[in-house]
Amino acid sequence: MVIAFAQQYWGQTKSGDWILRRGLRTLFKHGNPDMLALLGYDITAAEKVTDVTLQPESDVAVIGGLTTVTYTVRAPETMPVYLGLNGSS
């Protein structure tokens, strides 16, 4: 019902899309395919990503401290990958 509502009103106004995007956050986090398609995501993208690695700077984490994590994500050159980090892609 929520997705049907969003599909009906999506793209009418910038402010309406902003509100709908906030309302769809839980469905986004759960990876709902209909919602992802509405927002323009390729729902088969995860199958195309290979060699994902995370490497922490240290094996020990300190509560309240900072650490650096290095990551690698490999995807086809023609596929944009949104990592959600500082608005980077």
PDB file of N, CA and C in Angstrom:
ATOM      1  N   MET A   1       0.817  -1.183   0.000  1.00  0.00           N
ATOM      2  CA  MET A   1       0.000   0.000   0.000  1.00  0.00           C
ATOM      3  C   MET A   1       0.875   1.267   0.000  1.00  0.00           C
ATOM      4  N   VAL A   2       1.946   1.236   0.787  1.00  0.00           N
ATOM      5  CA  VAL A   2       2.854   2.381   0.869  1.00  0.00           C
ATOM      6  C   VAL A   2       3.556   2.589  -0.473  1.00  0.00           C
ATOM      7  N   ILE A   3       4.018   1.510  -1.077  1.00  0.00           N
ATOM      8  CA  ILE A   3       4.712   1.619  -2.360  1.00  0.00           C
ATOM      9  C   ILE A   3       3.757   2.090  -3.448  1.00  0.00           C
ATOM     10  N   ALA A   4       2.544   1.600  -3.458  1.00  0.00           N
ATOM     11  CA  ALA A   4       1.551   2.051  -4.441  1.00  0.00           C
ATOM     12  C   ALA A   4       1.313   3.553  -4.302  1.00  0.00           C
ATOM     13  N   PHE A   5       1.231   4.042  -3.077  1.00  0.00           N
ATOM     14  CA  PHE A   5       1.054   5.477  -2.831  1.00  0.00           C
ATOM     15  C   PHE A   5       2.254   6.246  -3.369  1.00  0.00           C
ATOM     16  N   ALA A   6       3.454   5.773  -3.044  1.00  0.00           N
ATOM     17  CA  ALA A   6       4.672   6.450  -3.491  1.00  0.00           C
ATOM     18  C   ALA A   6       4.770   6.454  -5.013  1.00  0.00           C
ATOM     19  N   GLN A   7       4.432   5.327  -5.651  1.00  0.00           N
ATOM     20  CA  GLN A   7       4.478   5.256  -7.113  1.00  0.00           C
ATOM     21  C   GLN A   7       3.499   6.242  -7.749  1.00  0.00           C
ATOM     22  N   GLN A   8       2.361   6.426  -7.119  1.00  0.00           N
ATOM     23  CA  GLN A   8       1.344   7.335  -7.657  1.00  0.00           C
ATOM     24  C   GLN A   8       1.814   8.790  -7.606  1.00  0.00           C
ATOM     25  N   TYR A   9       2.513   9.173  -6.541  1.00  0.00           N
ATOM     26  CA  TYR A   9       2.870  10.572  -6.342  1.00  0.00           C
ATOM     27  C   TYR A   9       4.336  10.895  -6.626  1.00  0.00           C
ATOM     28  N   TRP A  10       5.151   9.877  -6.944  1.00  0.00           N
ATOM     29  CA  TRP A  10       6.576  10.088  -7.193  1.00  0.00           C
ATOM     30  C   TRP A  10       6.784  10.948  -8.438  1.00  0.00           C
ATOM     31  N   GLY A  11       7.675  11.912  -8.346  1.00  0.00           N
ATOM     32  CA  GLY A  11       8.046  12.719  -9.491  1.00  0.00           C
ATOM     33  C   GLY A  11       7.170  13.936  -9.743  1.00  0.00           C
ATOM     34  N   GLN A  12       6.184  14.182  -8.897  1.00  0.00           N
ATOM     35  CA  GLN A  12       5.301  15.331  -9.118  1.00  0.00           C
ATOM     36  C   GLN A  12       5.938  16.644  -8.665  1.00  0.00           C
ATOM     37  N   THR A  13       6.590  16.624  -7.506  1.00  0.00           N
ATOM     38  CA  THR A  13       7.272  17.819  -7.011  1.00  0.00           C
ATOM     39  C   THR A  13       8.541  17.400  -6.277  1.00  0.00           C
ATOM     40  N   LYS A  14       9.511  18.310  -6.225  1.00  0.00           N
ATOM     41  CA  LYS A  14      10.748  18.033  -5.498  1.00  0.00           C
ATOM     42  C   LYS A  14      10.484  17.809  -4.013  1.00  0.00           C
ATOM     43  N   SER A  15       9.644  18.670  -3.450  1.00  0.00           N
ATOM     44  CA  SER A  15       9.376  18.549  -2.016  1.00  0.00           C
ATOM     45  C   SER A  15       8.592  17.270  -1.709  1.00  0.00           C
ATOM     46  N   GLY A  16       7.705  16.885  -2.599  1.00  0.00           N
ATOM     47  CA  GLY A  16       6.965  15.634  -2.411  1.00  0.00           C
ATOM     48  C   GLY A  16       7.885  14.429  -2.469  1.00  0.00           C
ATOM     49  N   ASP A  17       8.828  14.442  -3.406  1.00  0.00           N
ATOM     50  CA  ASP A  17       9.803  13.351  -3.500  1.00  0.00           C
ATOM     51  C   ASP A  17      10.674  13.281  -2.254  1.00  0.00           C
ATOM     52  N   TRP A  18      11.029  14.452  -1.717  1.00  0.00           N
ATOM     53  CA  TRP A  18      11.840  14.484  -0.493  1.00  0.00           C
ATOM     54  C   TRP A  18      11.092  13.798   0.651  1.00  0.00           C
ATOM     55  N   ILE A  19       9.821  14.119   0.797  1.00  0.00           N
ATOM     56  CA  ILE A  19       8.995  13.530   1.860  1.00  0.00           C
ATOM     57  C   ILE A  19       8.846  12.031   1.640  1.00  0.00           C
ATOM     58  N   LEU A  20       8.560  11.630   0.398  1.00  0.00           N
ATOM     59  CA  LEU A  20       8.404  10.202   0.096  1.00  0.00           C
ATOM     60  C   LEU A  20       9.699   9.439   0.367  1.00  0.00           C
ATOM     61  N   ARG A  21      10.830  10.020  -0.008  1.00  0.00           N
ATOM     62  CA  ARG A  21      12.121   9.354   0.208  1.00  0.00           C
ATOM     63  C   ARG A  21      12.334   9.097   1.698  1.00  0.00           C
ATOM     64  N   ARG A  22      11.981  10.062   2.538  1.00  0.00           N
ATOM     65  CA  ARG A  22      12.118   9.872   4.001  1.00  0.00           C
ATOM     66  C   ARG A  22      11.162   8.800   4.504  1.00  0.00           C
ATOM     67  N   GLY A  23       9.961   8.784   3.957  1.00  0.00           N
ATOM     68  CA  GLY A  23       8.976   7.789   4.373  1.00  0.00           C
ATOM     69  C   GLY A  23       9.314   6.377   3.937  1.00  0.00           C
ATOM     70  N   LEU A  24      10.154   6.243   2.921  1.00  0.00           N
ATOM     71  CA  LEU A  24      10.514   4.933   2.392  1.00  0.00           C
ATOM     72  C   LEU A  24      11.820   4.392   2.970  1.00  0.00           C
ATOM     73  N   ARG A  25      12.406   5.084   3.940  1.00  0.00           N
ATOM     74  CA  ARG A  25      13.719   4.686   4.459  1.00  0.00           C
ATOM     75  C   ARG A  25      13.752   3.262   4.995  1.00  0.00           C
ATOM     76  N   THR A  26      12.733   2.846   5.722  1.00  0.00           N
ATOM     77  CA  THR A  26      12.737   1.493   6.287  1.00  0.00           C
ATOM     78  C   THR A  26      12.688   0.460   5.169  1.00  0.00           C
ATOM     79  N   LEU A  27      11.839   0.685   4.162  1.00  0.00           N
ATOM     80  CA  LEU A  27      11.784  -0.237   3.039  1.00  0.00           C
ATOM     81  C   LEU A  27      13.117  -0.264   2.291  1.00  0.00           C
ATOM     82  N   PHE A  28      13.773   0.894   2.193  1.00  0.00           N
ATOM     83  CA  PHE A  28      15.088   0.964   1.559  1.00  0.00           C
ATOM     84  C   PHE A  28      16.092   0.119   2.335  1.00  0.00           C
ATOM     85  N   LYS A  29      16.123   0.274   3.636  1.00  0.00           N
ATOM     86  CA  LYS A  29      17.072  -0.461   4.478  1.00  0.00           C
ATOM     87  C   LYS A  29      16.841  -1.964   4.401  1.00  0.00           C
ATOM     88  N   HIS A  30      15.597  -2.369   4.170  1.00  0.00           N
ATOM     89  CA  HIS A  30      15.279  -3.790   4.042  1.00  0.00           C
ATOM     90  C   HIS A  30      15.473  -4.296   2.621  1.00  0.00           C
ATOM     91  N   GLY A  31      15.833  -3.410   1.699  1.00  0.00           N
ATOM     92  CA  GLY A  31      16.109  -3.811   0.323  1.00  0.00           C
ATOM     93  C   GLY A  31      14.880  -4.196  -0.474  1.00  0.00           C
ATOM     94  N   ASN A  32      13.737  -3.565  -0.183  1.00  0.00           N
ATOM     95  CA  ASN A  32      12.505  -3.872  -0.915  1.00  0.00           C
ATOM     96  C   ASN A  32      12.706  -3.583  -2.407  1.00  0.00           C
ATOM     97  N   PRO A  33      12.567  -4.600  -3.283  1.00  0.00           N
ATOM     98  CA  PRO A  33      12.857  -4.412  -4.708  1.00  0.00           C
ATOM     99  C   PRO A  33      11.968  -3.382  -5.401  1.00  0.00           C
ATOM    100  N   ASP A  34      10.684  -3.316  -5.064  1.00  0.00           N
ATOM    101  CA  ASP A  34       9.788  -2.335  -5.693  1.00  0.00           C
ATOM    102  C   ASP A  34      10.192  -0.907  -5.332  1.00  0.00           C
ATOM    103  N   MET A  35      10.571  -0.715  -4.070  1.00  0.00           N
ATOM    104  CA  MET A  35      10.975   0.608  -3.619  1.00  0.00           C
ATOM    105  C   MET A  35      12.309   0.995  -4.236  1.00  0.00           C
ATOM    106  N   LEU A  36      13.244   0.056  -4.320  1.00  0.00           N
ATOM    107  CA  LEU A  36      14.538   0.340  -4.931  1.00  0.00           C
ATOM    108  C   LEU A  36      14.378   0.713  -6.407  1.00  0.00           C
ATOM    109  N   ALA A  37      13.497   0.014  -7.112  1.00  0.00           N
ATOM    110  CA  ALA A  37      13.237   0.328  -8.520  1.00  0.00           C
ATOM    111  C   ALA A  37      12.628   1.729  -8.655  1.00  0.00           C
ATOM    112  N   LEU A  38      11.722   2.084  -7.751  1.00  0.00           N
ATOM    113  CA  LEU A  38      11.104   3.409  -7.776  1.00  0.00           C
ATOM    114  C   LEU A  38      12.157   4.508  -7.650  1.00  0.00           C
ATOM    115  N   LEU A  39      13.162   4.271  -6.806  1.00  0.00           N
ATOM    116  CA  LEU A  39      14.212   5.256  -6.587  1.00  0.00           C
ATOM    117  C   LEU A  39      15.314   5.183  -7.648  1.00  0.00           C
ATOM    118  N   GLY A  40      15.176   4.264  -8.596  1.00  0.00           N
ATOM    119  CA  GLY A  40      16.125   4.194  -9.702  1.00  0.00           C
ATOM    120  C   GLY A  40      17.315   3.277  -9.481  1.00  0.00           C
ATOM    121  N   TYR A  41      17.263   2.430  -8.461  1.00  0.00           N
ATOM    122  CA  TYR A  41      18.361   1.512  -8.192  1.00  0.00           C
ATOM    123  C   TYR A  41      18.218   0.249  -9.034  1.00  0.00           C
ATOM    124  N   ASP A  42      19.332  -0.301  -9.454  1.00  0.00           N
ATOM    125  CA  ASP A  42      19.372  -1.570 -10.168  1.00  0.00           C
ATOM    126  C   ASP A  42      19.343  -2.679  -9.121  1.00  0.00           C
ATOM    127  N   ILE A  43      18.242  -3.419  -9.043  1.00  0.00           N
ATOM    128  CA  ILE A  43      18.114  -4.421  -7.984  1.00  0.00           C
ATOM    129  C   ILE A  43      19.008  -5.631  -8.218  1.00  0.00           C
ATOM    130  N   THR A  44      19.622  -5.735  -9.390  1.00  0.00           N
ATOM    131  CA  THR A  44      20.556  -6.834  -9.643  1.00  0.00           C
ATOM    132  C   THR A  44      21.999  -6.395  -9.423  1.00  0.00           C
ATOM    133  N   ALA A  45      22.223  -5.174  -8.970  1.00  0.00           N
ATOM    134  CA  ALA A  45      23.573  -4.625  -8.824  1.00  0.00           C
ATOM    135  C   ALA A  45      24.437  -5.447  -7.867  1.00  0.00           C
ATOM    136  N   ALA A  46      23.867  -5.954  -6.798  1.00  0.00           N
ATOM    137  CA  ALA A  46      24.654  -6.714  -5.817  1.00  0.00           C
ATOM    138  C   ALA A  46      25.293  -7.940  -6.455  1.00  0.00           C
ATOM    139  N   GLU A  47      24.646  -8.510  -7.463  1.00  0.00           N
ATOM    140  CA  GLU A  47      25.197  -9.685  -8.142  1.00  0.00           C
ATOM    141  C   GLU A  47      26.416  -9.329  -8.981  1.00  0.00           C
ATOM    142  N   LYS A  48      26.566  -8.056  -9.337  1.00  0.00           N
ATOM    143  CA  LYS A  48      27.657  -7.614 -10.208  1.00  0.00           C
ATOM    144  C   LYS A  48      28.885  -7.146  -9.436  1.00  0.00           C
ATOM    145  N   VAL A  49      28.736  -6.919  -8.133  1.00  0.00           N
ATOM    146  CA  VAL A  49      29.842  -6.439  -7.313  1.00  0.00           C
ATOM    147  C   VAL A  49      30.670  -7.632  -6.850  1.00  0.00           C
ATOM    148  N   THR A  50      31.990  -7.494  -6.972  1.00  0.00           N
ATOM    149  CA  THR A  50      32.884  -8.575  -6.561  1.00  0.00           C
ATOM    150  C   THR A  50      33.991  -8.016  -5.682  1.00  0.00           C
ATOM    151  N   ASP A  51      34.696  -8.887  -5.034  1.00  0.00           N
ATOM    152  CA  ASP A  51      35.886  -8.523  -4.262  1.00  0.00           C
ATOM    153  C   ASP A  51      35.661  -7.386  -3.285  1.00  0.00           C
ATOM    154  N   VAL A  52      34.711  -7.523  -2.398  1.00  0.00           N
ATOM    155  CA  VAL A  52      34.475  -6.526  -1.362  1.00  0.00           C
ATOM    156  C   VAL A  52      35.342  -6.907  -0.153  1.00  0.00           C
ATOM    157  N   THR A  53      36.182  -5.968   0.289  1.00  0.00           N
ATOM    158  CA  THR A  53      37.021  -6.226   1.456  1.00  0.00           C
ATOM    159  C   THR A  53      37.007  -5.015   2.384  1.00  0.00           C
ATOM    160  N   LEU A  54      37.132  -5.279   3.666  1.00  0.00           N
ATOM    161  CA  LEU A  54      37.269  -4.238   4.694  1.00  0.00           C
ATOM    162  C   LEU A  54      38.515  -4.565   5.506  1.00  0.00           C
ATOM    163  N   GLN A  55      39.353  -3.574   5.729  1.00  0.00           N
ATOM    164  CA  GLN A  55      40.570  -3.789   6.502  1.00  0.00           C
ATOM    165  C   GLN A  55      40.692  -2.693   7.553  1.00  0.00           C
ATOM    166  N   PRO A  56      40.489  -3.034   8.845  1.00  0.00           N
ATOM    167  CA  PRO A  56      40.640  -2.018   9.890  1.00  0.00           C
ATOM    168  C   PRO A  56      42.117  -1.677  10.088  1.00  0.00           C
ATOM    169  N   GLU A  57      42.370  -0.446  10.503  1.00  0.00           N
ATOM    170  CA  GLU A  57      43.735   0.009  10.772  1.00  0.00           C
ATOM    171  C   GLU A  57      44.338  -0.737  11.965  1.00  0.00           C
ATOM    172  N   SER A  58      43.473  -1.086  12.907  1.00  0.00           N
ATOM    173  CA  SER A  58      43.929  -1.749  14.123  1.00  0.00           C
ATOM    174  C   SER A  58      42.982  -2.894  14.455  1.00  0.00           C
ATOM    175  N   ASP A  59      43.504  -3.916  15.113  1.00  0.00           N
ATOM    176  CA  ASP A  59      42.669  -5.041  15.541  1.00  0.00           C
ATOM    177  C   ASP A  59      41.915  -4.746  16.832  1.00  0.00           C
ATOM    178  N   VAL A  60      42.252  -3.617  17.483  1.00  0.00           N
ATOM    179  CA  VAL A  60      41.650  -3.256  18.758  1.00  0.00           C
ATOM    180  C   VAL A  60      40.886  -1.939  18.594  1.00  0.00           C
ATOM    181  N   ALA A  61      39.645  -1.938  19.044  1.00  0.00           N
ATOM    182  CA  ALA A  61      38.838  -0.710  19.013  1.00  0.00           C
ATOM    183  C   ALA A  61      38.721  -0.165  20.430  1.00  0.00           C
ATOM    184  N   VAL A  62      38.820   1.137  20.552  1.00  0.00           N
ATOM    185  CA  VAL A  62      38.715   1.798  21.846  1.00  0.00           C
ATOM    186  C   VAL A  62      37.394   2.557  21.881  1.00  0.00           C
ATOM    187  N   ILE A  63      36.592   2.321  22.921  1.00  0.00           N
ATOM    188  CA  ILE A  63      35.316   3.015  23.049  1.00  0.00           C
ATOM    189  C   ILE A  63      35.571   4.512  23.106  1.00  0.00           C
ATOM    190  N   GLY A  64      34.895   5.238  22.234  1.00  0.00           N
ATOM    191  CA  GLY A  64      35.062   6.675  22.158  1.00  0.00           C
ATOM    192  C   GLY A  64      36.229   7.107  21.280  1.00  0.00           C
ATOM    193  N   GLY A  65      36.997   6.145  20.791  1.00  0.00           N
ATOM    194  CA  GLY A  65      38.149   6.459  19.942  1.00  0.00           C
ATOM    195  C   GLY A  65      37.782   6.427  18.471  1.00  0.00           C
ATOM    196  N   LEU A  66      38.750   6.713  17.648  1.00  0.00           N
ATOM    197  CA  LEU A  66      38.569   6.699  16.201  1.00  0.00           C
ATOM    198  C   LEU A  66      39.485   5.657  15.590  1.00  0.00           C
ATOM    199  N   THR A  67      39.062   5.099  14.505  1.00  0.00           N
ATOM    200  CA  THR A  67      39.907   4.189  13.747  1.00  0.00           C
ATOM    201  C   THR A  67      39.634   4.396  12.264  1.00  0.00           C
ATOM    202  N   THR A  68      40.500   3.892  11.443  1.00  0.00           N
ATOM    203  CA  THR A  68      40.338   3.991  10.002  1.00  0.00           C
ATOM    204  C   THR A  68      40.086   2.607   9.441  1.00  0.00           C
ATOM    205  N   VAL A  69      39.126   2.518   8.535  1.00  0.00           N
ATOM    206  CA  VAL A  69      38.834   1.267   7.853  1.00  0.00           C
ATOM    207  C   VAL A  69      39.019   1.510   6.358  1.00  0.00           C
ATOM    208  N   THR A  70      39.848   0.708   5.746  1.00  0.00           N
ATOM    209  CA  THR A  70      40.066   0.790   4.304  1.00  0.00           C
ATOM    210  C   THR A  70      39.152  -0.228   3.641  1.00  0.00           C
ATOM    211  N   TYR A  71      38.533   0.166   2.536  1.00  0.00           N
ATOM    212  CA  TYR A  71      37.619  -0.746   1.848  1.00  0.00           C
ATOM    213  C   TYR A  71      37.955  -0.813   0.369  1.00  0.00           C
ATOM    214  N   THR A  72      37.607  -1.932  -0.238  1.00  0.00           N
ATOM    215  CA  THR A  72      37.746  -2.128  -1.673  1.00  0.00           C
ATOM    216  C   THR A  72      36.445  -2.724  -2.185  1.00  0.00           C
ATOM    217  N   VAL A  73      35.925  -2.151  -3.253  1.00  0.00           N
ATOM    218  CA  VAL A  73      34.722  -2.663  -3.900  1.00  0.00           C
ATOM    219  C   VAL A  73      35.004  -2.696  -5.397  1.00  0.00           C
ATOM    220  N   ARG A  74      34.839  -3.843  -6.007  1.00  0.00           N
ATOM    221  CA  ARG A  74      35.047  -3.948  -7.450  1.00  0.00           C
ATOM    222  C   ARG A  74      33.696  -4.172  -8.121  1.00  0.00           C
ATOM    223  N   ALA A  75      33.455  -3.380  -9.166  1.00  0.00           N
ATOM    224  CA  ALA A  75      32.227  -3.478  -9.945  1.00  0.00           C
ATOM    225  C   ALA A  75      32.574  -3.167 -11.394  1.00  0.00           C
ATOM    226  N   PRO A  76      31.717  -3.558 -12.328  1.00  0.00           N
ATOM    227  CA  PRO A  76      31.979  -3.210 -13.729  1.00  0.00           C
ATOM    228  C   PRO A  76      32.132  -1.700 -13.886  1.00  0.00           C
ATOM    229  N   GLU A  77      33.025  -1.276 -14.782  1.00  0.00           N
ATOM    230  CA  GLU A  77      33.288   0.157 -14.965  1.00  0.00           C
ATOM    231  C   GLU A  77      32.044   0.936 -15.368  1.00  0.00           C
ATOM    232  N   THR A  78      31.108   0.285 -16.013  1.00  0.00           N
ATOM    233  CA  THR A  78      29.902   0.973 -16.480  1.00  0.00           C
ATOM    234  C   THR A  78      28.832   1.080 -15.411  1.00  0.00           C
ATOM    235  N   MET A  79      29.078   0.497 -14.236  1.00  0.00           N
ATOM    236  CA  MET A  79      28.069   0.481 -13.181  1.00  0.00           C
ATOM    237  C   MET A  79      28.432   1.469 -12.077  1.00  0.00           C
ATOM    238  N   PRO A  80      27.631   2.539 -11.886  1.00  0.00           N
ATOM    239  CA  PRO A  80      27.906   3.439 -10.770  1.00  0.00           C
ATOM    240  C   PRO A  80      27.601   2.740  -9.454  1.00  0.00           C
ATOM    241  N   VAL A  81      28.449   2.961  -8.466  1.00  0.00           N
ATOM    242  CA  VAL A  81      28.266   2.327  -7.153  1.00  0.00           C
ATOM    243  C   VAL A  81      28.150   3.439  -6.124  1.00  0.00           C
ATOM    244  N   TYR A  82      27.011   3.495  -5.427  1.00  0.00           N
ATOM    245  CA  TYR A  82      26.827   4.464  -4.354  1.00  0.00           C
ATOM    246  C   TYR A  82      27.217   3.803  -3.048  1.00  0.00           C
ATOM    247  N   LEU A  83      28.206   4.349  -2.388  1.00  0.00           N
ATOM    248  CA  LEU A  83      28.697   3.767  -1.155  1.00  0.00           C
ATOM    249  C   LEU A  83      28.087   4.391   0.079  1.00  0.00           C
ATOM    250  N   GLY A  84      27.404   5.515  -0.081  1.00  0.00           N
ATOM    251  CA  GLY A  84      26.749   6.154   1.046  1.00  0.00           C
ATOM    252  C   GLY A  84      27.705   6.812   2.022  1.00  0.00           C
ATOM    253  N   LEU A  85      28.932   7.058   1.612  1.00  0.00           N
ATOM    254  CA  LEU A  85      29.926   7.669   2.477  1.00  0.00           C
ATOM    255  C   LEU A  85      30.192   9.095   2.016  1.00  0.00           C
ATOM    256  N   ASN A  86      29.827  10.055   2.798  1.00  0.00           N
ATOM    257  CA  ASN A  86      30.067  11.459   2.475  1.00  0.00           C
ATOM    258  C   ASN A  86      29.512  11.844   1.106  1.00  0.00           C
ATOM    259  N   GLY A  87      28.459  11.170   0.656  1.00  0.00           N
ATOM    260  CA  GLY A  87      27.878  11.491  -0.629  1.00  0.00           C
ATOM    261  C   GLY A  87      28.708  11.041  -1.806  1.00  0.00           C
ATOM    262  N   SER A  88      29.727  10.201  -1.582  1.00  0.00           N
ATOM    263  CA  SER A  88      30.602   9.748  -2.660  1.00  0.00           C
ATOM    264  C   SER A  88      29.936   8.662  -3.470  1.00  0.00           C
ATOM    265  N   SER A  89      30.416   8.492  -4.682  1.00  0.00           N
ATOM    266  CA  SER A  89      29.974   7.352  -5.490  1.00  0.00           C
ATOM    267  C   SER A  89      31.147   6.812  -6.261  1.00  0.00           C
TER     268      SER A  89
END
